[in-house]
Amino acid sequence: MAGEQLPVTESADGLCFAVKVMPKASRQSLGQVREGRLVVYLNAPPVEGAANAALVKFLAKTLGIAPSNISILSGHKNRSKIIKVHGLPLEQARVRLTAPQGG
């Protein structure tokens, strides 16, 4: 896949990366990295935390980890968010976040 590589910050307590959420999409999927953010398309509307909950659930499924291992650090009421992931090595996260998605 041509394009930017997702910047991921690794620390002792997990990985952090930026996403840009596109709510009310026709299907949930990962998009390309744009301006240092992974574009994530979600079915959920941006109302009363629905898109945030859908984002955590979708990323957990994509990464193969429990939703409790994913936190939204900032951007709770914004499309641009910083995500923290616990319990997943950097290399695995990169592979899973850039793998082609079946539909």
N, C-alpha and C. Protein backbone atom coordinates (compact mmCIF):
# COMPACT_ATOMS: atom_id res chain seq x y z
N MET A 1 0.84 -1.19 0.00
CA MET A 1 0.00 0.00 0.00
C MET A 1 0.88 1.24 0.00
N ALA A 2 0.70 2.08 -0.95
CA ALA A 2 1.45 3.32 -1.01
C ALA A 2 0.82 4.33 -0.06
N GLY A 3 1.62 5.26 0.42
CA GLY A 3 1.09 6.28 1.30
C GLY A 3 1.90 6.40 2.57
N GLU A 4 1.40 7.21 3.46
CA GLU A 4 2.08 7.45 4.72
C GLU A 4 2.05 6.23 5.62
N GLN A 5 3.05 6.14 6.48
CA GLN A 5 3.02 5.13 7.53
C GLN A 5 2.44 5.80 8.78
N LEU A 6 1.63 5.07 9.51
CA LEU A 6 0.99 5.60 10.71
C LEU A 6 2.04 5.84 11.79
N PRO A 7 2.19 7.08 12.27
CA PRO A 7 3.09 7.33 13.38
C PRO A 7 2.51 6.72 14.67
N VAL A 8 3.28 5.87 15.31
CA VAL A 8 2.86 5.22 16.55
C VAL A 8 3.93 5.49 17.60
N THR A 9 3.51 5.98 18.76
CA THR A 9 4.41 6.23 19.87
C THR A 9 4.34 5.05 20.81
N GLU A 10 5.49 4.49 21.14
CA GLU A 10 5.54 3.32 22.03
C GLU A 10 6.09 3.75 23.38
N SER A 11 5.43 3.31 24.46
CA SER A 11 5.92 3.57 25.81
C SER A 11 5.77 2.30 26.63
N ALA A 12 6.21 2.34 27.86
CA ALA A 12 6.15 1.16 28.73
C ALA A 12 4.72 0.69 28.96
N ASP A 13 3.75 1.62 28.92
CA ASP A 13 2.37 1.23 29.21
C ASP A 13 1.48 1.14 27.97
N GLY A 14 2.06 1.13 26.77
CA GLY A 14 1.23 0.93 25.59
C GLY A 14 1.67 1.71 24.38
N LEU A 15 0.80 1.72 23.38
CA LEU A 15 1.04 2.40 22.11
C LEU A 15 0.02 3.52 21.94
N CYS A 16 0.43 4.61 21.34
CA CYS A 16 -0.50 5.71 21.05
C CYS A 16 -0.41 6.06 19.57
N PHE A 17 -1.57 6.34 19.00
CA PHE A 17 -1.63 6.78 17.61
C PHE A 17 -2.86 7.65 17.43
N ALA A 18 -2.87 8.41 16.35
CA ALA A 18 -3.96 9.33 16.07
C ALA A 18 -4.89 8.73 15.02
N VAL A 19 -6.18 9.00 15.20
CA VAL A 19 -7.18 8.58 14.22
C VAL A 19 -8.06 9.76 13.85
N LYS A 20 -8.66 9.68 12.69
CA LYS A 20 -9.71 10.63 12.30
C LYS A 20 -10.93 9.79 11.99
N VAL A 21 -11.99 9.99 12.76
CA VAL A 21 -13.21 9.20 12.63
C VAL A 21 -14.13 9.84 11.61
N MET A 22 -14.67 8.99 10.74
CA MET A 22 -15.66 9.42 9.75
C MET A 22 -16.96 8.69 10.11
N PRO A 23 -17.82 9.33 10.91
CA PRO A 23 -19.05 8.66 11.35
C PRO A 23 -20.10 8.57 10.24
N LYS A 24 -21.12 7.77 10.48
CA LYS A 24 -22.25 7.57 9.57
C LYS A 24 -21.81 7.07 8.19
N ALA A 25 -20.77 6.23 8.16
CA ALA A 25 -20.31 5.64 6.90
C ALA A 25 -21.20 4.46 6.55
N SER A 26 -21.17 4.03 5.30
CA SER A 26 -22.00 2.91 4.88
C SER A 26 -21.50 1.59 5.47
N ARG A 27 -20.19 1.51 5.75
CA ARG A 27 -19.66 0.32 6.41
C ARG A 27 -18.45 0.71 7.24
N GLN A 28 -18.14 -0.12 8.22
CA GLN A 28 -17.00 0.15 9.09
C GLN A 28 -15.74 -0.40 8.44
N SER A 29 -14.71 0.44 8.36
CA SER A 29 -13.45 0.01 7.77
C SER A 29 -12.34 0.98 8.13
N LEU A 30 -11.11 0.51 7.89
CA LEU A 30 -9.95 1.37 8.03
C LEU A 30 -9.67 2.02 6.70
N GLY A 31 -9.30 3.27 6.74
CA GLY A 31 -8.90 3.98 5.53
C GLY A 31 -7.39 4.15 5.51
N GLN A 32 -6.94 5.10 4.73
CA GLN A 32 -5.51 5.38 4.62
C GLN A 32 -5.08 6.31 5.75
N VAL A 33 -3.77 6.44 5.88
CA VAL A 33 -3.20 7.40 6.82
C VAL A 33 -3.13 8.73 6.08
N ARG A 34 -3.72 9.75 6.69
CA ARG A 34 -3.71 11.10 6.12
C ARG A 34 -3.28 12.07 7.20
N GLU A 35 -2.29 12.87 6.88
CA GLU A 35 -1.79 13.88 7.81
C GLU A 35 -1.45 13.27 9.16
N GLY A 36 -0.87 12.07 9.16
CA GLY A 36 -0.45 11.42 10.39
C GLY A 36 -1.55 10.76 11.20
N ARG A 37 -2.76 10.68 10.63
CA ARG A 37 -3.89 10.06 11.33
C ARG A 37 -4.46 8.92 10.50
N LEU A 38 -4.80 7.83 11.16
CA LEU A 38 -5.47 6.72 10.50
C LEU A 38 -6.95 7.06 10.36
N VAL A 39 -7.46 7.04 9.15
CA VAL A 39 -8.88 7.32 8.92
C VAL A 39 -9.67 6.05 9.23
N VAL A 40 -10.70 6.19 10.08
CA VAL A 40 -11.55 5.06 10.47
C VAL A 40 -12.99 5.42 10.13
N TYR A 41 -13.60 4.60 9.28
CA TYR A 41 -15.00 4.80 8.89
C TYR A 41 -15.89 3.97 9.81
N LEU A 42 -16.89 4.61 10.41
CA LEU A 42 -17.80 3.95 11.34
C LEU A 42 -19.25 4.16 10.93
N ASN A 43 -20.09 3.15 11.19
CA ASN A 43 -21.53 3.27 10.93
C ASN A 43 -22.22 4.22 11.92
N ALA A 44 -21.71 4.28 13.12
CA ALA A 44 -22.37 5.00 14.21
C ALA A 44 -22.41 6.51 13.97
N PRO A 45 -23.47 7.15 14.44
CA PRO A 45 -23.54 8.61 14.35
C PRO A 45 -22.72 9.24 15.48
N PRO A 46 -22.30 10.48 15.29
CA PRO A 46 -21.51 11.15 16.32
C PRO A 46 -22.39 11.76 17.41
N VAL A 47 -23.21 10.93 18.05
CA VAL A 47 -24.16 11.42 19.04
C VAL A 47 -24.01 10.64 20.34
N GLU A 48 -23.96 11.37 21.44
CA GLU A 48 -23.97 10.77 22.78
C GLU A 48 -22.96 9.63 22.95
N GLY A 49 -21.78 9.78 22.37
CA GLY A 49 -20.72 8.80 22.55
C GLY A 49 -20.85 7.54 21.71
N ALA A 50 -21.84 7.48 20.83
CA ALA A 50 -22.04 6.28 20.01
C ALA A 50 -20.84 6.01 19.11
N ALA A 51 -20.30 7.04 18.48
CA ALA A 51 -19.14 6.84 17.60
C ALA A 51 -17.91 6.44 18.40
N ASN A 52 -17.73 6.99 19.59
CA ASN A 52 -16.59 6.61 20.43
C ASN A 52 -16.68 5.15 20.83
N ALA A 53 -17.85 4.70 21.23
CA ALA A 53 -18.03 3.29 21.61
C ALA A 53 -17.80 2.38 20.41
N ALA A 54 -18.31 2.78 19.25
CA ALA A 54 -18.13 1.99 18.03
C ALA A 54 -16.65 1.95 17.64
N LEU A 55 -15.95 3.05 17.82
CA LEU A 55 -14.52 3.11 17.51
C LEU A 55 -13.73 2.12 18.37
N VAL A 56 -13.97 2.13 19.66
CA VAL A 56 -13.26 1.23 20.57
C VAL A 56 -13.56 -0.23 20.21
N LYS A 57 -14.82 -0.54 19.97
CA LYS A 57 -15.21 -1.91 19.61
C LYS A 57 -14.58 -2.33 18.29
N PHE A 58 -14.61 -1.45 17.28
CA PHE A 58 -14.04 -1.77 15.97
C PHE A 58 -12.53 -1.95 16.05
N LEU A 59 -11.83 -1.05 16.75
CA LEU A 59 -10.38 -1.19 16.87
C LEU A 59 -10.01 -2.45 17.64
N ALA A 60 -10.78 -2.79 18.68
CA ALA A 60 -10.50 -4.01 19.44
C ALA A 60 -10.62 -5.23 18.53
N LYS A 61 -11.66 -5.28 17.73
CA LYS A 61 -11.84 -6.40 16.81
C LYS A 61 -10.72 -6.44 15.77
N THR A 62 -10.37 -5.29 15.21
CA THR A 62 -9.32 -5.20 14.21
C THR A 62 -7.97 -5.63 14.77
N LEU A 63 -7.68 -5.22 16.00
CA LEU A 63 -6.39 -5.52 16.62
C LEU A 63 -6.36 -6.87 17.32
N GLY A 64 -7.53 -7.49 17.51
CA GLY A 64 -7.59 -8.78 18.16
C GLY A 64 -7.32 -8.72 19.65
N ILE A 65 -7.78 -7.64 20.28
CA ILE A 65 -7.61 -7.48 21.73
C ILE A 65 -8.95 -7.09 22.36
N ALA A 66 -9.01 -7.13 23.67
CA ALA A 66 -10.24 -6.76 24.38
C ALA A 66 -10.47 -5.25 24.31
N PRO A 67 -11.73 -4.83 24.21
CA PRO A 67 -12.03 -3.40 24.21
C PRO A 67 -11.48 -2.66 25.44
N SER A 68 -11.35 -3.37 26.55
CA SER A 68 -10.83 -2.75 27.77
C SER A 68 -9.36 -2.35 27.63
N ASN A 69 -8.68 -2.85 26.59
CA ASN A 69 -7.28 -2.50 26.35
C ASN A 69 -7.12 -1.29 25.44
N ILE A 70 -8.23 -0.65 25.10
CA ILE A 70 -8.19 0.53 24.23
C ILE A 70 -8.82 1.71 24.95
N SER A 71 -8.12 2.85 24.92
CA SER A 71 -8.63 4.07 25.55
C SER A 71 -8.56 5.21 24.55
N ILE A 72 -9.52 6.11 24.65
CA ILE A 72 -9.46 7.36 23.90
C ILE A 72 -8.86 8.39 24.85
N LEU A 73 -7.63 8.84 24.56
CA LEU A 73 -6.96 9.79 25.45
C LEU A 73 -7.45 11.21 25.26
N SER A 74 -7.72 11.57 24.00
CA SER A 74 -8.21 12.93 23.74
C SER A 74 -9.08 12.92 22.50
N GLY A 75 -9.93 13.93 22.40
CA GLY A 75 -10.80 14.05 21.25
C GLY A 75 -12.15 13.39 21.41
N HIS A 76 -12.63 13.28 22.64
CA HIS A 76 -13.91 12.61 22.89
C HIS A 76 -15.07 13.25 22.14
N LYS A 77 -14.99 14.55 21.87
CA LYS A 77 -16.07 15.23 21.16
C LYS A 77 -15.58 15.82 19.85
N ASN A 78 -14.59 15.15 19.26
CA ASN A 78 -13.98 15.63 18.03
C ASN A 78 -13.73 14.44 17.12
N ARG A 79 -13.63 14.65 15.84
CA ARG A 79 -13.34 13.55 14.92
C ARG A 79 -11.89 13.10 15.02
N SER A 80 -11.00 14.01 15.38
CA SER A 80 -9.59 13.67 15.57
C SER A 80 -9.37 13.23 17.01
N LYS A 81 -8.80 12.04 17.17
CA LYS A 81 -8.65 11.45 18.50
C LYS A 81 -7.26 10.85 18.65
N ILE A 82 -6.81 10.75 19.89
CA ILE A 82 -5.59 10.03 20.22
C ILE A 82 -6.01 8.75 20.94
N ILE A 83 -5.53 7.63 20.43
CA ILE A 83 -5.90 6.31 20.94
C ILE A 83 -4.71 5.71 21.67
N LYS A 84 -4.98 5.06 22.80
CA LYS A 84 -3.95 4.31 23.52
C LYS A 84 -4.35 2.85 23.53
N VAL A 85 -3.39 1.97 23.20
CA VAL A 85 -3.61 0.53 23.15
C VAL A 85 -2.65 -0.15 24.12
N HIS A 86 -3.19 -1.02 24.97
CA HIS A 86 -2.38 -1.78 25.92
C HIS A 86 -2.32 -3.23 25.47
N GLY A 87 -1.18 -3.87 25.72
CA GLY A 87 -1.09 -5.31 25.52
C GLY A 87 -0.91 -5.79 24.10
N LEU A 88 -0.33 -4.95 23.24
CA LEU A 88 -0.10 -5.36 21.86
C LEU A 88 1.26 -4.82 21.41
N PRO A 89 2.14 -5.68 20.93
CA PRO A 89 3.44 -5.20 20.44
C PRO A 89 3.28 -4.29 19.23
N LEU A 90 4.20 -3.36 19.09
CA LEU A 90 4.16 -2.37 18.01
C LEU A 90 4.05 -3.03 16.64
N GLU A 91 4.87 -4.05 16.38
CA GLU A 91 4.88 -4.68 15.06
C GLU A 91 3.51 -5.29 14.74
N GLN A 92 2.90 -5.96 15.70
CA GLN A 92 1.57 -6.55 15.47
C GLN A 92 0.53 -5.47 15.21
N ALA A 93 0.60 -4.38 15.95
CA ALA A 93 -0.35 -3.28 15.75
C ALA A 93 -0.23 -2.72 14.34
N ARG A 94 0.98 -2.49 13.89
CA ARG A 94 1.19 -1.95 12.54
C ARG A 94 0.62 -2.88 11.47
N VAL A 95 0.89 -4.18 11.60
CA VAL A 95 0.40 -5.15 10.62
C VAL A 95 -1.13 -5.16 10.61
N ARG A 96 -1.74 -5.21 11.78
CA ARG A 96 -3.20 -5.32 11.86
C ARG A 96 -3.91 -4.04 11.42
N LEU A 97 -3.26 -2.90 11.63
CA LEU A 97 -3.89 -1.63 11.24
C LEU A 97 -3.71 -1.31 9.75
N THR A 98 -2.83 -2.06 9.08
CA THR A 98 -2.62 -1.80 7.65
C THR A 98 -3.02 -2.97 6.78
N ALA A 99 -3.52 -4.06 7.39
CA ALA A 99 -3.93 -5.24 6.61
C ALA A 99 -5.18 -4.91 5.80
N PRO A 100 -5.26 -5.45 4.58
CA PRO A 100 -6.47 -5.25 3.79
C PRO A 100 -7.68 -5.85 4.51
N GLN A 101 -8.81 -5.20 4.40
CA GLN A 101 -10.01 -5.67 5.09
C GLN A 101 -10.95 -6.31 4.11
N GLY A 102 -11.41 -7.48 4.49
CA GLY A 102 -12.42 -8.16 3.66
C GLY A 102 -13.78 -7.56 3.91
N GLY A 103 -14.67 -7.73 2.99
CA GLY A 103 -15.98 -7.15 3.21
C GLY A 103 -16.99 -7.94 2.62
